[in-house]
């Protein structure tokens, strides 16, 4: 199993930017697909972005397309989420995830076998 640790969350004004990091350790050679989800209070966990190892073939939720970018540094076993033009509705706990059972393309949270502890992102208006 892969261990995932997120960092980089915080408070930012609307229109600002943040970069989240997720450091992976353990059996990372199995983690072809890694991604990000988020969960706002009272809402279900929702897909944000994911990609193959090396940052190849990224795919995004429509709500963040054009504003967020997922990237990966293989040498550091780290995946990033660059978030630009942030909106108050982006406020949520952001989770890193890996090892989806059905592989690349899935947006279904239960598919992912490994999760980080989450990092809070708050966007003020």
C-alpha atoms as a PDB file:
ATOM      1  CA  UNK A   1       0.000   0.000   0.000  1.00  0.00           C
ATOM      2  CA  UNK A   2       1.044   3.560  -0.690  1.00  0.00           C
ATOM      3  CA  UNK A   3       1.316   6.138   2.074  1.00  0.00           C
ATOM      4  CA  UNK A   4       0.306   9.665   1.054  1.00  0.00           C
ATOM      5  CA  UNK A   5       0.939  12.940   2.884  1.00  0.00           C
ATOM      6  CA  UNK A   6      -0.558  16.208   1.642  1.00  0.00           C
ATOM      7  CA  UNK A   7       0.678  19.725   2.348  1.00  0.00           C
ATOM      8  CA  UNK A   8       0.242  23.242   1.058  1.00  0.00           C
ATOM      9  CA  UNK A   9      -3.283  24.085   2.073  1.00  0.00           C
ATOM     10  CA  UNK A  10      -4.215  27.393   3.636  1.00  0.00           C
ATOM     11  CA  UNK A  11      -6.302  30.533   3.437  1.00  0.00           C
ATOM     12  CA  UNK A  12      -6.299  32.583   0.251  1.00  0.00           C
ATOM     13  CA  UNK A  13      -8.426  35.345  -1.211  1.00  0.00           C
ATOM     14  CA  UNK A  14     -10.618  34.750  -4.234  1.00  0.00           C
ATOM     15  CA  UNK A  15      -8.560  35.001  -7.406  1.00  0.00           C
ATOM     16  CA  UNK A  16      -5.432  33.824  -5.647  1.00  0.00           C
ATOM     17  CA  UNK A  17      -3.357  30.683  -6.060  1.00  0.00           C
ATOM     18  CA  UNK A  18      -2.148  27.746  -3.984  1.00  0.00           C
ATOM     19  CA  UNK A  19      -0.068  24.695  -4.752  1.00  0.00           C
ATOM     20  CA  UNK A  20      -0.796  21.451  -2.967  1.00  0.00           C
ATOM     21  CA  UNK A  21       1.776  18.695  -2.671  1.00  0.00           C
ATOM     22  CA  UNK A  22       1.332  14.994  -2.009  1.00  0.00           C
ATOM     23  CA  UNK A  23       4.380  12.944  -1.085  1.00  0.00           C
ATOM     24  CA  UNK A  24       4.062   9.220  -1.701  1.00  0.00           C
ATOM     25  CA  UNK A  25       6.009   6.465  -0.006  1.00  0.00           C
ATOM     26  CA  UNK A  26       5.769   2.707   0.221  1.00  0.00           C
ATOM     27  CA  UNK A  27       4.822   0.677  -2.840  1.00  0.00           C
ATOM     28  CA  UNK A  28       4.819   3.632  -5.208  1.00  0.00           C
ATOM     29  CA  UNK A  29       5.743   1.462  -8.189  1.00  0.00           C
ATOM     30  CA  UNK A  30       2.135   0.239  -8.180  1.00  0.00           C
ATOM     31  CA  UNK A  31       0.718   3.755  -8.231  1.00  0.00           C
ATOM     32  CA  UNK A  32       0.287   4.445 -11.920  1.00  0.00           C
ATOM     33  CA  UNK A  33      -2.682   6.739 -11.380  1.00  0.00           C
ATOM     34  CA  UNK A  34      -2.723   9.382  -8.670  1.00  0.00           C
ATOM     35  CA  UNK A  35      -5.213  12.129  -8.172  1.00  0.00           C
ATOM     36  CA  UNK A  36      -6.940  14.721  -6.043  1.00  0.00           C
ATOM     37  CA  UNK A  37     -10.391  14.836  -4.538  1.00  0.00           C
ATOM     38  CA  UNK A  38     -12.072  17.414  -2.321  1.00  0.00           C
ATOM     39  CA  UNK A  39     -14.845  17.428   0.226  1.00  0.00           C
ATOM     40  CA  UNK A  40     -16.717  20.490   1.433  1.00  0.00           C
ATOM     41  CA  UNK A  41     -18.773  20.431   4.661  1.00  0.00           C
ATOM     42  CA  UNK A  42     -22.025  18.565   4.172  1.00  0.00           C
ATOM     43  CA  UNK A  43     -21.099  17.416   0.684  1.00  0.00           C
ATOM     44  CA  UNK A  44     -19.811  14.208  -0.833  1.00  0.00           C
ATOM     45  CA  UNK A  45     -16.188  13.774  -1.768  1.00  0.00           C
ATOM     46  CA  UNK A  46     -15.752  14.856  -5.382  1.00  0.00           C
ATOM     47  CA  UNK A  47     -13.148  14.237  -8.027  1.00  0.00           C
ATOM     48  CA  UNK A  48     -10.806  17.111  -8.920  1.00  0.00           C
ATOM     49  CA  UNK A  49      -7.972  15.794 -11.105  1.00  0.00           C
ATOM     50  CA  UNK A  50      -5.807  12.744 -11.795  1.00  0.00           C
ATOM     51  CA  UNK A  51      -3.010  11.628 -14.055  1.00  0.00           C
ATOM     52  CA  UNK A  52      -0.737   8.748 -14.886  1.00  0.00           C
ATOM     53  CA  UNK A  53       2.743   8.438 -13.404  1.00  0.00           C
ATOM     54  CA  UNK A  54       4.906  11.213 -14.796  1.00  0.00           C
ATOM     55  CA  UNK A  55       1.950  13.528 -15.199  1.00  0.00           C
ATOM     56  CA  UNK A  56       0.837  11.929 -18.447  1.00  0.00           C
ATOM     57  CA  UNK A  57      -2.785  11.951 -19.595  1.00  0.00           C
ATOM     58  CA  UNK A  58      -4.248  14.283 -16.978  1.00  0.00           C
ATOM     59  CA  UNK A  59      -7.992  14.631 -16.650  1.00  0.00           C
ATOM     60  CA  UNK A  60     -10.013  17.140 -14.655  1.00  0.00           C
ATOM     61  CA  UNK A  61     -13.413  17.875 -13.259  1.00  0.00           C
ATOM     62  CA  UNK A  62     -15.240  20.423 -15.390  1.00  0.00           C
ATOM     63  CA  UNK A  63     -15.442  22.784 -12.418  1.00  0.00           C
ATOM     64  CA  UNK A  64     -11.644  23.180 -12.262  1.00  0.00           C
ATOM     65  CA  UNK A  65     -10.618  22.713 -15.877  1.00  0.00           C
ATOM     66  CA  UNK A  66      -8.481  25.629 -17.040  1.00  0.00           C
ATOM     67  CA  UNK A  67      -7.763  26.752 -13.478  1.00  0.00           C
ATOM     68  CA  UNK A  68      -6.097  23.726 -11.847  1.00  0.00           C
ATOM     69  CA  UNK A  69      -3.115  21.757 -13.100  1.00  0.00           C
ATOM     70  CA  UNK A  70      -1.950  18.369 -11.860  1.00  0.00           C
ATOM     71  CA  UNK A  71       1.712  17.453 -12.221  1.00  0.00           C
ATOM     72  CA  UNK A  72       4.040  14.782 -10.894  1.00  0.00           C
ATOM     73  CA  UNK A  73       7.738  14.585 -10.047  1.00  0.00           C
ATOM     74  CA  UNK A  74       8.753  10.950 -10.356  1.00  0.00           C
ATOM     75  CA  UNK A  75      12.138  11.503  -8.712  1.00  0.00           C
ATOM     76  CA  UNK A  76      10.477  12.907  -5.604  1.00  0.00           C
ATOM     77  CA  UNK A  77       7.459  10.579  -5.667  1.00  0.00           C
ATOM     78  CA  UNK A  78       5.332  13.688  -5.388  1.00  0.00           C
ATOM     79  CA  UNK A  79       2.167  14.841  -7.116  1.00  0.00           C
ATOM     80  CA  UNK A  80       1.162  18.500  -7.170  1.00  0.00           C
ATOM     81  CA  UNK A  81      -2.043  20.420  -7.703  1.00  0.00           C
ATOM     82  CA  UNK A  82      -1.523  23.994  -8.848  1.00  0.00           C
ATOM     83  CA  UNK A  83      -4.715  25.925  -8.197  1.00  0.00           C
ATOM     84  CA  UNK A  84      -5.171  29.313  -9.841  1.00  0.00           C
ATOM     85  CA  UNK A  85      -8.079  31.757  -9.982  1.00  0.00           C
ATOM     86  CA  UNK A  86      -9.481  30.254  -6.820  1.00  0.00           C
ATOM     87  CA  UNK A  87     -13.139  30.769  -5.968  1.00  0.00           C
ATOM     88  CA  UNK A  88     -14.965  30.556  -2.640  1.00  0.00           C
ATOM     89  CA  UNK A  89     -16.663  27.389  -3.898  1.00  0.00           C
ATOM     90  CA  UNK A  90     -13.250  25.733  -4.080  1.00  0.00           C
ATOM     91  CA  UNK A  91     -13.166  25.759  -0.272  1.00  0.00           C
ATOM     92  CA  UNK A  92     -12.845  22.170   0.933  1.00  0.00           C
ATOM     93  CA  UNK A  93     -10.529  19.594   2.413  1.00  0.00           C
ATOM     94  CA  UNK A  94      -8.366  18.312  -0.429  1.00  0.00           C
ATOM     95  CA  UNK A  95      -7.262  14.680  -0.468  1.00  0.00           C
ATOM     96  CA  UNK A  96      -4.574  12.926  -2.440  1.00  0.00           C
ATOM     97  CA  UNK A  97      -5.480   9.446  -3.687  1.00  0.00           C
ATOM     98  CA  UNK A  98      -3.785   6.580  -5.512  1.00  0.00           C
ATOM     99  CA  UNK A  99      -4.244   3.057  -6.855  1.00  0.00           C
ATOM    100  CA  UNK A 100      -7.713   3.103  -8.407  1.00  0.00           C
ATOM    101  CA  UNK A 101      -8.941  -0.430  -8.995  1.00  0.00           C
ATOM    102  CA  UNK A 102     -10.212   0.379 -12.480  1.00  0.00           C
ATOM    103  CA  UNK A 103      -7.164   2.390 -13.518  1.00  0.00           C
ATOM    104  CA  UNK A 104      -6.866   5.601 -15.480  1.00  0.00           C
ATOM    105  CA  UNK A 105     -10.023   7.562 -16.185  1.00  0.00           C
ATOM    106  CA  UNK A 106     -12.009   6.811 -13.072  1.00  0.00           C
ATOM    107  CA  UNK A 107     -13.544   9.669 -11.111  1.00  0.00           C
ATOM    108  CA  UNK A 108     -15.161   7.499  -8.442  1.00  0.00           C
ATOM    109  CA  UNK A 109     -13.699   7.957  -4.974  1.00  0.00           C
ATOM    110  CA  UNK A 110     -14.347   4.383  -3.716  1.00  0.00           C
ATOM    111  CA  UNK A 111     -12.209   3.150  -6.607  1.00  0.00           C
ATOM    112  CA  UNK A 112      -9.062   4.572  -5.043  1.00  0.00           C
ATOM    113  CA  UNK A 113      -7.301   2.327  -2.553  1.00  0.00           C
ATOM    114  CA  UNK A 114      -4.905   4.761  -0.873  1.00  0.00           C
ATOM    115  CA  UNK A 115      -5.679   8.148   0.659  1.00  0.00           C
ATOM    116  CA  UNK A 116      -3.874  10.939   2.438  1.00  0.00           C
ATOM    117  CA  UNK A 117      -5.132  12.661   5.554  1.00  0.00           C
ATOM    118  CA  UNK A 118      -6.283  15.795   3.718  1.00  0.00           C
ATOM    119  CA  UNK A 119      -5.320  19.457   3.736  1.00  0.00           C
ATOM    120  CA  UNK A 120      -7.720  22.355   4.209  1.00  0.00           C
ATOM    121  CA  UNK A 121      -8.113  24.986   1.503  1.00  0.00           C
ATOM    122  CA  UNK A 122     -10.185  28.039   2.350  1.00  0.00           C
ATOM    123  CA  UNK A 123     -10.948  30.733  -0.225  1.00  0.00           C
ATOM    124  CA  UNK A 124     -12.360  33.974   1.120  1.00  0.00           C
ATOM    125  CA  UNK A 125     -14.552  36.256  -0.952  1.00  0.00           C
END
